[in-house]
Protein backbone atom coordinates (compact mmCIF):
# COMPACT_ATOMS: atom_id res chain seq x y z
CA MET A 1 5.37 18.02 -31.97
CA VAL A 2 4.01 15.65 -29.32
CA LYS A 3 2.01 13.71 -31.89
CA SER A 4 4.98 13.37 -34.23
CA ILE A 5 7.04 11.68 -31.50
CA TRP A 6 4.59 8.79 -31.17
CA VAL A 7 3.89 8.60 -34.90
CA ASN A 8 7.63 8.38 -35.50
CA TYR A 9 7.90 5.49 -33.04
CA VAL A 10 5.07 3.67 -34.84
CA LEU A 11 6.70 4.21 -38.24
CA ALA A 12 10.31 3.54 -37.21
CA ASP A 13 10.08 0.86 -34.50
CA GLU A 14 8.44 -2.52 -35.15
CA ALA A 15 8.12 -3.38 -31.46
CA TYR A 16 6.28 -0.14 -30.68
CA PHE A 17 4.16 -0.67 -33.81
CA HIS A 18 2.89 -4.05 -32.58
CA CYS A 19 2.40 -2.72 -29.03
CA THR A 20 0.18 0.05 -30.39
CA LEU A 21 -1.83 -2.34 -32.55
CA ALA A 22 -2.32 -4.69 -29.57
CA ILE A 23 -3.77 -1.78 -27.56
CA SER A 24 -6.00 -0.68 -30.46
CA ALA A 25 -7.24 -4.24 -30.99
CA SER A 26 -7.97 -4.53 -27.26
CA TYR A 27 -10.23 -1.48 -27.33
CA VAL A 28 -12.03 -2.91 -30.37
CA ASP A 29 -12.53 -6.14 -28.40
CA PHE A 30 -14.07 -4.17 -25.52
CA LEU A 31 -16.35 -2.18 -27.83
CA GLU A 32 -17.53 -5.38 -29.51
CA ARG A 33 -18.02 -6.98 -26.06
CA LYS A 34 -15.93 -10.00 -26.91
CA PRO A 35 -15.71 -12.45 -23.98
CA GLY A 36 -11.96 -12.88 -24.26
CA ILE A 37 -8.87 -11.57 -26.03
CA SER A 38 -9.19 -11.85 -29.81
CA SER A 39 -6.68 -13.70 -31.99
CA LYS A 40 -5.67 -10.38 -33.58
CA THR A 41 -4.85 -8.88 -30.18
CA LEU A 42 -2.92 -11.99 -29.13
CA TYR A 43 -0.93 -11.94 -32.36
CA HIS A 44 0.16 -8.33 -31.96
CA ILE A 45 0.99 -8.59 -28.26
CA SER A 46 3.03 -11.77 -28.79
CA GLN A 47 4.94 -10.08 -31.60
CA ALA A 48 5.46 -7.04 -29.38
CA TYR A 49 6.94 -9.08 -26.51
CA ALA A 50 9.25 -11.00 -28.84
CA LEU A 51 10.55 -7.80 -30.45
CA VAL A 52 10.91 -5.95 -27.13
CA ASN A 53 12.93 -8.86 -25.70
CA LEU A 54 15.26 -8.69 -28.71
CA LYS A 55 15.64 -4.94 -28.27
CA LEU A 56 16.39 -5.23 -24.55
CA SER A 57 19.15 -7.77 -25.19
CA GLY A 58 20.88 -5.55 -27.76
CA PRO A 59 22.73 -2.23 -27.90
CA GLU A 60 19.48 -0.20 -27.83
CA SER A 61 18.33 -1.64 -24.50
CA ILE A 62 17.88 1.77 -22.87
CA SER A 63 17.13 3.86 -25.95
CA ASP A 64 14.09 6.10 -26.25
CA SER A 65 12.38 3.55 -28.49
CA ALA A 66 13.01 0.75 -25.96
CA ILE A 67 11.53 2.83 -23.13
CA ALA A 68 8.55 3.75 -25.32
CA ALA A 69 7.93 0.08 -26.17
CA VAL A 70 8.06 -1.08 -22.54
CA VAL A 71 5.78 1.79 -21.51
CA THR A 72 3.27 0.63 -24.08
CA LEU A 73 3.48 -2.96 -22.83
CA ALA A 74 2.67 -1.66 -19.35
CA ILE A 75 -0.26 0.32 -20.71
CA TYR A 76 -1.54 -2.83 -22.40
CA GLN A 77 -1.50 -4.64 -19.05
CA GLN A 78 -3.32 -1.72 -17.41
CA ILE A 79 -6.01 -1.85 -20.09
CA HIS A 80 -6.57 -5.50 -19.18
CA ASP A 81 -6.52 -4.77 -15.43
CA LEU A 82 -3.37 -6.89 -14.93
CA HIS A 83 -1.78 -4.54 -12.41
CA SER A 84 0.78 -7.03 -11.08
CA THR A 85 2.23 -7.45 -14.59
CA GLY A 86 2.06 -3.70 -15.07
CA LEU A 87 4.14 -3.29 -11.90
CA ILE A 88 6.77 -5.68 -13.26
CA HIS A 89 7.06 -3.56 -16.41
CA LEU A 90 7.16 -0.36 -14.35
CA ASN A 91 10.03 -1.70 -12.25
CA GLY A 92 11.85 -2.57 -15.46
CA LEU A 93 11.24 0.95 -16.74
CA TYR A 94 12.58 2.38 -13.50
CA ARG A 95 15.86 0.45 -13.91
CA MET A 96 16.15 1.44 -17.57
CA ILE A 97 15.62 5.11 -16.75
CA GLN A 98 18.13 4.97 -13.89
CA LEU A 99 20.71 3.63 -16.34
CA ARG A 100 19.92 6.62 -18.57
CA GLY A 101 20.78 8.98 -15.72
CA GLY A 102 17.41 9.21 -13.96
CA ILE A 103 13.96 10.60 -14.67
CA ALA A 104 15.05 14.24 -14.29
CA ARG A 105 17.58 13.80 -17.09
CA LEU A 106 15.04 12.02 -19.29
CA MET A 107 12.60 14.90 -18.68
CA LYS A 108 15.20 17.28 -20.12
CA GLU A 109 16.02 15.02 -23.06
CA ASN A 110 12.54 13.81 -23.99
CA ARG A 111 9.80 15.36 -21.88
CA ALA A 112 6.89 13.66 -23.70
CA LEU A 113 8.43 10.22 -23.25
CA ALA A 114 9.39 10.78 -19.59
CA LEU A 115 5.83 11.70 -18.63
CA LYS A 116 4.53 8.26 -19.72
CA PRO A 117 6.24 6.17 -16.99
CA LEU A 118 5.45 8.88 -14.43
CA ARG A 119 1.79 8.72 -15.43
CA LEU A 120 1.85 4.92 -15.05
CA ASP A 121 3.62 5.19 -11.70
CA VAL A 122 0.93 7.34 -10.06
CA GLU A 123 -1.92 5.28 -11.55
CA LEU A 124 -0.45 2.04 -10.20
CA ALA A 125 0.17 3.70 -6.82
CA LEU A 126 -3.53 4.60 -6.65
CA GLN A 127 -4.58 1.09 -7.61
CA THR A 128 -2.16 -0.94 -5.49
CA GLY A 129 -1.55 1.36 -2.50
CA LEU A 130 2.22 1.09 -2.94
CA PRO A 131 4.38 4.22 -2.76
CA PRO A 132 5.36 5.60 -6.18
CA LEU A 133 8.73 4.44 -7.54
CA PHE A 134 9.80 7.87 -8.75
CA ARG A 135 9.96 10.90 -6.47
CA SER A 136 8.17 14.22 -6.83
CA ASP A 137 11.43 16.17 -6.66
CA ALA A 138 12.45 14.47 -9.90
CA VAL A 139 9.36 15.87 -11.63
CA VAL A 140 9.27 19.41 -12.93
CA PRO A 141 7.28 21.48 -10.36
CA ALA A 142 3.62 22.07 -11.09
CA ASN A 143 3.09 25.08 -13.36
CA GLY A 144 0.55 27.86 -12.96
CA VAL A 145 -0.68 26.84 -9.53
CA SER A 146 0.38 29.65 -7.24
CA GLY A 147 -2.06 31.80 -5.31
CA ASP A 148 -3.34 33.22 -2.04
CA SER A 149 -3.03 30.81 0.91
CA ARG A 150 -6.12 32.38 2.53
CA VAL A 151 -8.25 30.18 0.25
CA ILE A 152 -6.96 27.11 2.07
CA GLN A 153 -7.22 28.70 5.50
CA GLU A 154 -10.89 29.52 4.94
CA GLN A 155 -11.92 26.17 3.48
CA PHE A 156 -9.82 23.40 5.01
CA LEU A 157 -9.69 24.14 8.74
CA SER A 158 -6.38 23.35 10.42
CA THR A 159 -4.07 21.28 8.23
CA ALA A 160 -0.46 20.19 8.26
CA SER A 161 1.70 22.76 6.47
CA ARG A 162 2.89 20.38 3.75
CA LEU A 163 -0.62 19.16 2.97
CA SER A 164 -1.89 22.74 3.08
CA ARG A 165 0.60 23.77 0.39
CA ILE A 166 -0.43 20.87 -1.83
CA MET A 167 -4.10 21.72 -1.30
CA LEU A 168 -3.39 25.29 -2.32
CA GLN A 169 -1.76 24.07 -5.54
CA VAL A 170 -4.77 21.86 -6.34
CA VAL A 171 -7.22 24.70 -5.63
CA ASN A 172 -5.32 27.04 -7.91
CA PHE A 173 -4.93 24.44 -10.66
CA ALA A 174 -8.72 24.06 -10.63
CA SER A 175 -9.08 27.87 -10.72
CA LEU A 176 -6.66 28.03 -13.65
CA LEU A 177 -8.68 25.49 -15.66
CA ASN A 178 -12.00 27.19 -14.82
CA GLY A 179 -10.58 30.60 -15.69
CA ARG A 180 -9.35 29.48 -19.10
CA GLU A 181 -12.75 27.96 -19.89
CA ARG A 182 -14.66 31.01 -18.61
CA GLU A 183 -12.54 33.51 -20.53
CA GLY A 184 -12.34 31.43 -23.70
CA GLN A 185 -8.56 31.21 -23.49
CA MET A 186 -6.53 28.49 -25.15
CA LYS A 187 -6.38 25.25 -23.20
CA LEU A 188 -3.16 24.14 -21.56
CA ASP A 189 -1.02 22.16 -23.94
CA ALA A 190 -1.08 18.40 -23.32
CA LEU A 191 2.41 18.17 -21.82
CA SER A 192 1.95 21.07 -19.39
CA TYR A 193 -1.41 19.67 -18.28
CA THR A 194 -0.02 16.15 -17.73
CA GLU A 195 3.10 17.46 -16.02
CA THR A 196 1.08 19.52 -13.54
CA LEU A 197 -1.37 16.68 -12.90
CA VAL A 198 1.38 14.13 -12.29
CA SER A 199 3.34 16.52 -10.11
CA LEU A 200 0.32 17.15 -7.85
CA LEU A 201 -0.47 13.44 -7.61
CA TYR A 202 3.09 12.65 -6.58
CA ARG A 203 2.92 15.22 -3.82
CA LEU A 204 -0.39 13.89 -2.53
CA LEU A 205 0.75 10.25 -2.63
CA GLU A 206 4.01 11.04 -0.86
CA VAL A 207 2.09 12.63 2.03
CA ALA A 208 0.34 9.29 2.68
CA PRO A 209 0.42 6.29 0.29
CA LEU A 210 -2.97 4.59 0.20
CA GLY A 211 -1.67 1.20 1.29
CA GLN A 212 -0.05 2.47 4.49
CA PRO A 213 -1.78 3.14 7.83
CA ARG A 214 -3.35 6.60 7.95
CA SER A 215 -1.50 8.85 10.38
CA MET A 216 -2.15 12.40 9.19
CA SER A 217 -0.84 14.96 11.65
CA GLY A 218 -4.03 17.02 11.33
CA GLY A 219 -6.23 14.05 12.26
CA LEU A 220 -9.54 13.17 10.60
CA TYR A 221 -10.00 16.46 8.71
CA ASP A 222 -6.60 16.12 7.05
CA ASP A 223 -7.33 12.49 6.25
CA VAL A 224 -10.66 13.29 4.59
CA ALA A 225 -9.27 16.29 2.71
CA HIS A 226 -6.30 14.24 1.47
CA LEU A 227 -8.47 11.35 0.23
CA ALA A 228 -11.00 13.72 -1.33
CA MET A 229 -8.17 15.53 -3.14
CA LEU A 230 -7.03 12.21 -4.59
CA ALA A 231 -10.60 11.47 -5.68
CA PHE A 232 -10.76 14.92 -7.30
CA MET A 233 -7.50 14.25 -9.16
CA THR A 234 -8.80 10.97 -10.58
CA THR A 235 -11.46 12.93 -12.45
CA LEU A 236 -8.64 14.73 -14.29
CA LEU A 237 -6.71 11.52 -15.00
CA PRO A 238 -7.27 9.97 -18.45
CA GLU A 239 -8.10 6.31 -18.00
CA TYR A 240 -6.02 3.58 -19.65
CA SER A 241 -8.29 0.80 -18.43
CA HIS A 242 -11.80 0.34 -19.84
CA ASN A 243 -12.88 -0.56 -16.31
CA TYR A 244 -10.68 1.71 -14.22
CA SER A 245 -11.42 2.16 -10.55
CA SER A 246 -9.37 2.47 -7.40
CA HIS A 247 -11.16 0.18 -4.96
CA LEU A 248 -8.60 1.05 -2.30
CA LEU A 249 -9.24 4.78 -2.58
CA SER A 250 -12.98 4.15 -2.69
CA ASP A 251 -12.92 2.06 0.49
CA ARG A 252 -10.68 4.52 2.35
CA LEU A 253 -12.80 7.51 1.37
CA GLU A 254 -16.07 5.77 2.25
CA SER A 255 -14.76 4.95 5.72
CA ALA A 256 -13.44 8.48 6.24
CA ILE A 257 -16.79 10.00 5.19
CA GLN A 258 -18.64 7.95 7.78
CA ASP A 259 -16.14 8.97 10.48
CA LEU A 260 -16.37 12.65 9.48
CA HIS A 261 -20.16 12.53 9.50
CA VAL A 262 -20.20 11.28 13.08
CA THR A 263 -17.60 13.85 14.14
CA SER A 264 -19.29 16.74 12.31
CA LEU A 265 -22.48 16.34 14.31
CA ASP A 266 -20.72 18.19 17.13
CA THR A 267 -18.72 20.68 15.05
CA GLN A 268 -19.18 24.00 13.34
CA ASP A 269 -20.20 24.83 9.76
CA SER A 270 -16.70 24.28 8.32
CA GLY A 271 -16.75 20.54 9.10
CA PHE A 272 -20.01 20.15 7.21
CA SER A 273 -18.66 22.15 4.27
CA LEU A 274 -15.76 19.72 3.92
CA LEU A 275 -18.17 16.80 4.25
CA LEU A 276 -20.47 18.24 1.56
CA TRP A 277 -17.65 18.68 -0.94
CA THR A 278 -16.27 15.21 -0.16
CA LEU A 279 -19.70 13.64 -0.74
CA PHE A 280 -20.06 15.36 -4.10
CA ILE A 281 -16.50 14.96 -5.41
CA GLY A 282 -16.52 11.35 -4.27
CA GLY A 283 -19.97 10.84 -5.79
CA VAL A 284 -18.81 11.95 -9.25
CA SER A 285 -15.63 9.86 -9.08
CA VAL A 286 -14.62 6.85 -6.98
CA LEU A 287 -17.89 6.62 -5.00
CA LYS A 288 -20.32 6.92 -7.91
CA TYR A 289 -21.83 3.52 -7.13
CA LYS A 290 -22.40 4.33 -3.44
CA ASP A 291 -25.69 5.70 -2.13
CA HIS A 292 -25.12 8.85 -0.08
CA ARG A 293 -28.45 10.55 -0.74
CA TYR A 294 -29.42 10.66 2.91
CA LEU A 295 -26.04 12.09 3.93
CA ILE A 296 -26.22 14.72 1.18
CA LEU A 297 -29.67 15.85 2.31
CA GLU A 298 -28.70 15.90 5.99
CA THR A 299 -25.49 17.85 5.30
CA CYS A 300 -27.29 20.41 3.12
CA LYS A 301 -29.89 20.87 5.85
CA ARG A 302 -27.13 21.51 8.42
CA LEU A 303 -25.63 24.12 6.08
CA ASN A 304 -29.03 25.67 5.31
CA LEU A 305 -28.66 24.93 1.60
CA HIS A 306 -32.01 24.30 -0.07
CA ASP A 307 -31.41 24.48 -3.83
CA TRP A 308 -28.75 23.54 -6.36
CA PRO A 309 -27.40 27.11 -6.93
CA ALA A 310 -26.71 27.44 -3.20
CA VAL A 311 -25.08 24.02 -3.05
CA HIS A 312 -23.06 24.79 -6.16
CA ARG A 313 -21.74 28.04 -4.70
CA ARG A 314 -20.56 26.16 -1.59
CA LEU A 315 -18.88 23.44 -3.68
CA CYS A 316 -17.05 26.05 -5.77
CA GLY A 317 -15.16 27.12 -2.64
CA PHE A 318 -13.30 23.83 -3.02
CA PRO A 319 -11.55 22.27 -6.03
CA TRP A 320 -14.31 21.99 -8.62
CA ILE A 321 -14.05 21.96 -12.43
CA HIS A 322 -17.24 23.35 -13.92
CA THR A 323 -17.05 21.52 -17.25
CA LEU A 324 -16.37 18.17 -15.53
CA HIS A 325 -18.32 18.33 -12.27
CA ASP A 326 -21.35 20.62 -12.69
CA ALA A 327 -23.55 18.21 -14.65
CA PRO A 328 -22.89 15.02 -12.61
CA GLY A 329 -22.95 17.08 -9.40
CA ARG A 330 -26.39 18.44 -10.23
CA CYS A 331 -27.57 14.90 -11.02
CA LEU A 332 -26.42 13.83 -7.54
CA TRP A 333 -28.37 16.70 -6.00
CA GLU A 334 -31.53 15.96 -7.97
CA ASP A 335 -31.26 12.25 -7.18
CA ALA A 336 -30.97 13.08 -3.47
CA GLN A 337 -34.12 15.23 -3.70
CA ARG A 338 -36.05 12.24 -5.02
CA ALA A 339 -34.92 10.00 -2.14
């Protein structure tokens, strides 16, 4: 059903057709390591813009096909790392959707289509530091992420109640994914997965947008946990760009890790547990080009962890997806041992 929606747009709408071909040609350009944008890509994207402009000036200016075409133009800009142009398209999408009655109404009418601008909104918020345009209360609540709050109490020290609830949802979403893999159950369908992911990201970004001064009520521990949760979520986020990275999140998390390391020298085991997980989840995501081998070794020594199984057990007390994080996490550990 989901696939047929996008295939139908390709077959029935010329603007969407050229948008899709421009994106496909762009990925071919990247794979062939072309120094610039190929003539084929330029042809399709110029045709796409011309046709979208015609559509927006006519009676179908806020139709599903118009929204789909503008979404795809924004994705094209994201692929080419042109975030400022992507933001212009996102603002246009926001106005179009408001004229349709809002994102909540579009979710009811065309859930697959509505998730596309929401997905773009959170990605651009991570990259630019701006607050998301849409609000989390307009998104269907995260599914399948309820559980026992004692998990959070044991692992995340003292946290603000709102952040604690979001952390609990992230922990249980990770447990849900691990459980399905472990028990050989069917995977979540694409829409439910994306809906839950986007919903959690909205809640995290509304607690503290990356571009605003950090003022978490729980202090440094909340700040680190919040940033590490965002880093964790990026590992679940399919990348539009061939060179995706959130430099802002990377810089914020790196600074918070250094502050937590200094603070943890005078704290109990729980502070080092949070630091250990942050080092590993950051190391397999937004901090993969940073060298934290010394910090990893020092933190493991403080926690009396001397082999990968012991480290792995400690990490699994936090959000950790076995199929995504075990292999790169073990590589981090082994690399630290060679330091």
